[in-house]
């Protein structure tokens, strides 16, 4: 499971998910755009429907990727524990992994019921930018991939009229241009 704002979905997100698929061979990587992160003060810039469309467009034809609107359909903030409990009930015999960057990993103790979440999932953490440090009682594996690309940098470039080619997948770039998003 790969949760986040995906505002917008970019090449870094894709490459991390692809690395997880290649290294750990899950049945699929499920992208879960959140409606509102409880740890962020502001909501995503783009609408839920646009972010969902960008993910679906960018991942079309990728056999190991699945996009779910489950978190978007929930009321209130998106808590990872609720998402993990839902997916565990849908796939009771499956091992669940949670993909996140070390920037989020460093805040894991502030997540709602993070210890309970750690009993349900194994965390797959990529350096962003620092290497993740173990947290006692939580199962964590490092994804050996680092990228210094952020959605906020991409949004800023778009606002300034600068190109984002190579930073987002081609279908995502076209959809952003067509919709005029992030201007």
Protein backbone atom coordinates (compact mmCIF):
# COMPACT_ATOMS: atom_id res chain seq x y z
CA UNK A 1 0.00 0.00 0.00
CA UNK A 2 1.32 3.40 -0.98
CA UNK A 3 -0.65 6.24 0.56
CA UNK A 4 -0.21 9.96 0.09
CA UNK A 5 -1.57 13.15 -1.35
CA UNK A 6 -0.12 12.50 -4.85
CA UNK A 7 -0.59 16.20 -5.54
CA UNK A 8 0.52 15.58 -8.30
CA UNK A 9 1.58 11.98 -8.89
CA UNK A 10 5.18 12.11 -10.18
CA UNK A 11 8.08 10.02 -11.43
CA UNK A 12 9.52 9.62 -7.91
CA UNK A 13 6.30 7.98 -6.70
CA UNK A 14 6.33 5.67 -9.71
CA UNK A 15 10.01 4.68 -9.35
CA UNK A 16 9.67 3.92 -5.63
CA UNK A 17 6.62 1.73 -6.29
CA UNK A 18 8.41 -0.01 -9.14
CA UNK A 19 11.43 -0.67 -6.90
CA UNK A 20 9.12 -2.18 -4.25
CA UNK A 21 7.53 -4.42 -6.85
CA UNK A 22 10.90 -5.54 -8.23
CA UNK A 23 12.56 -6.09 -4.82
CA UNK A 24 9.73 -7.50 -2.71
CA UNK A 25 7.41 -8.96 -5.40
CA UNK A 26 4.04 -8.09 -3.86
CA UNK A 27 0.96 -9.23 -5.78
CA UNK A 28 0.35 -5.54 -6.51
CA UNK A 29 1.12 -2.05 -5.28
CA UNK A 30 -2.06 -0.26 -4.26
CA UNK A 31 -1.93 3.53 -4.55
CA UNK A 32 -4.21 5.17 -1.98
CA UNK A 33 -4.64 8.92 -2.45
CA UNK A 34 -5.80 10.47 0.80
CA UNK A 35 -8.52 13.05 1.12
CA UNK A 36 -6.83 14.91 3.96
CA UNK A 37 -3.65 14.00 5.80
CA UNK A 38 -4.10 14.54 9.54
CA UNK A 39 -0.46 15.68 9.81
CA UNK A 40 -0.73 18.41 7.16
CA UNK A 41 -2.31 21.78 7.86
CA UNK A 42 -3.71 22.24 4.38
CA UNK A 43 -5.68 20.03 2.03
CA UNK A 44 -4.26 19.01 -1.37
CA UNK A 45 -4.32 21.74 -4.04
CA UNK A 46 -5.98 19.56 -6.68
CA UNK A 47 -9.40 18.02 -6.22
CA UNK A 48 -9.74 14.41 -5.15
CA UNK A 49 -11.12 13.50 -8.57
CA UNK A 50 -8.21 15.12 -10.44
CA UNK A 51 -5.58 13.44 -8.25
CA UNK A 52 -7.34 10.11 -8.77
CA UNK A 53 -7.42 10.72 -12.55
CA UNK A 54 -3.70 11.61 -12.60
CA UNK A 55 -2.86 8.38 -10.78
CA UNK A 56 -5.07 6.26 -13.04
CA UNK A 57 -3.72 7.94 -16.18
CA UNK A 58 -0.10 7.63 -15.09
CA UNK A 59 -0.48 3.97 -14.10
CA UNK A 60 -2.65 2.81 -17.01
CA UNK A 61 -1.20 -0.42 -18.39
CA UNK A 62 1.11 -1.05 -15.41
CA UNK A 63 0.12 -4.62 -14.44
CA UNK A 64 1.39 -4.51 -10.85
CA UNK A 65 -0.28 -1.17 -9.98
CA UNK A 66 -3.79 -0.65 -8.63
CA UNK A 67 -5.38 2.68 -7.74
CA UNK A 68 -7.99 2.73 -4.97
CA UNK A 69 -10.35 5.54 -4.04
CA UNK A 70 -11.13 3.93 -0.67
CA UNK A 71 -9.54 6.71 1.44
CA UNK A 72 -11.18 9.39 -0.71
CA UNK A 73 -14.61 7.90 0.03
CA UNK A 74 -14.12 8.03 3.81
CA UNK A 75 -15.32 10.93 5.93
CA UNK A 76 -12.72 13.06 7.69
CA UNK A 77 -8.93 12.74 7.80
CA UNK A 78 -7.20 9.69 6.32
CA UNK A 79 -5.69 7.62 9.12
CA UNK A 80 -3.36 4.81 8.01
CA UNK A 81 -4.61 2.51 10.77
CA UNK A 82 -8.16 2.64 9.37
CA UNK A 83 -6.88 1.94 5.87
CA UNK A 84 -4.72 -0.98 7.01
CA UNK A 85 -7.59 -2.52 9.01
CA UNK A 86 -9.85 -2.23 5.96
CA UNK A 87 -7.36 -3.90 3.59
CA UNK A 88 -6.58 -6.59 6.16
CA UNK A 89 -10.31 -7.43 6.32
CA UNK A 90 -10.49 -7.54 2.50
CA UNK A 91 -7.35 -9.73 2.25
CA UNK A 92 -7.22 -11.55 5.61
CA UNK A 93 -4.41 -13.97 4.73
CA UNK A 94 -2.17 -11.44 3.03
CA UNK A 95 0.99 -9.82 4.33
CA UNK A 96 0.60 -6.06 4.03
CA UNK A 97 3.39 -3.56 3.42
CA UNK A 98 3.15 0.21 3.81
CA UNK A 99 5.39 2.32 1.57
CA UNK A 100 6.52 5.71 2.86
CA UNK A 101 9.41 8.14 2.78
CA UNK A 102 11.82 8.68 5.65
CA UNK A 103 10.33 12.16 6.10
CA UNK A 104 7.05 10.49 7.14
CA UNK A 105 8.84 7.62 8.92
CA UNK A 106 10.55 10.15 11.21
CA UNK A 107 7.03 11.24 12.33
CA UNK A 108 5.64 7.71 12.74
CA UNK A 109 5.25 8.10 16.52
CA UNK A 110 2.74 10.90 15.90
CA UNK A 111 0.55 8.66 13.69
CA UNK A 112 -2.72 7.47 15.21
CA UNK A 113 -2.27 3.99 16.76
CA UNK A 114 1.11 3.54 15.09
CA UNK A 115 1.99 0.50 17.24
CA UNK A 116 -1.25 -1.26 16.24
CA UNK A 117 -0.54 -0.30 12.61
CA UNK A 118 2.90 -1.87 13.00
CA UNK A 119 1.28 -5.19 13.96
CA UNK A 120 -0.71 -5.17 10.70
CA UNK A 121 1.92 -3.95 8.22
CA UNK A 122 5.62 -4.04 7.53
CA UNK A 123 6.95 -0.59 6.65
CA UNK A 124 8.98 -0.18 3.45
CA UNK A 125 10.83 3.12 3.79
CA UNK A 126 12.77 5.04 1.15
CA UNK A 127 15.35 7.72 2.05
CA UNK A 128 13.88 11.19 1.61
CA UNK A 129 16.47 12.61 2.00
CA UNK A 130 17.92 10.99 5.14
CA UNK A 131 18.31 7.27 5.78
CA UNK A 132 15.51 5.92 7.97
CA UNK A 133 16.38 4.80 11.47
CA UNK A 134 14.75 1.76 13.08
CA UNK A 135 11.85 2.36 15.46
CA UNK A 136 11.61 -0.13 18.29
CA UNK A 137 8.77 -2.60 17.86
CA UNK A 138 8.10 -1.78 14.18
CA UNK A 139 9.10 -3.96 11.23
CA UNK A 140 10.91 -1.85 8.65
CA UNK A 141 12.85 -2.52 5.46
CA UNK A 142 14.74 0.13 3.55
CA UNK A 143 13.97 0.62 -0.14
CA UNK A 144 17.40 1.28 -1.66
CA UNK A 145 16.30 4.24 -3.75
CA UNK A 146 16.55 7.92 -3.13
CA UNK A 147 15.02 10.78 -5.04
CA UNK A 148 14.95 14.48 -4.38
CA UNK A 149 11.76 15.27 -6.20
CA UNK A 150 8.70 16.59 -4.44
CA UNK A 151 5.16 17.39 -5.48
CA UNK A 152 5.53 20.88 -3.99
CA UNK A 153 8.54 21.53 -6.26
CA UNK A 154 6.50 20.39 -9.26
CA UNK A 155 3.53 22.58 -8.28
CA UNK A 156 5.89 25.55 -7.91
CA UNK A 157 7.42 24.96 -11.35
CA UNK A 158 3.97 24.78 -12.94
CA UNK A 159 2.90 28.03 -11.20
CA UNK A 160 6.04 29.70 -12.60
CA UNK A 161 5.37 28.36 -16.11
CA UNK A 162 8.44 26.10 -16.05
CA UNK A 163 8.43 22.67 -17.70
CA UNK A 164 7.92 19.51 -15.67
CA UNK A 165 8.77 17.03 -18.45
CA UNK A 166 10.61 14.07 -16.96
CA UNK A 167 9.36 14.92 -13.47
CA UNK A 168 5.91 13.50 -14.13
CA UNK A 169 4.87 10.69 -16.45
CA UNK A 170 3.74 11.79 -19.94
CA UNK A 171 0.02 11.04 -19.38
CA UNK A 172 0.11 13.04 -16.13
CA UNK A 173 1.84 15.96 -17.85
CA UNK A 174 -0.82 16.00 -20.59
CA UNK A 175 -3.66 15.91 -18.06
CA UNK A 176 -2.12 18.78 -16.07
CA UNK A 177 -1.75 20.83 -19.25
CA UNK A 178 -5.30 20.09 -20.42
CA UNK A 179 -6.89 20.89 -17.04
CA UNK A 180 -4.66 23.89 -16.27
CA UNK A 181 -4.11 22.45 -12.80
CA UNK A 182 -1.59 23.92 -10.35
CA UNK A 183 -1.42 27.28 -12.14
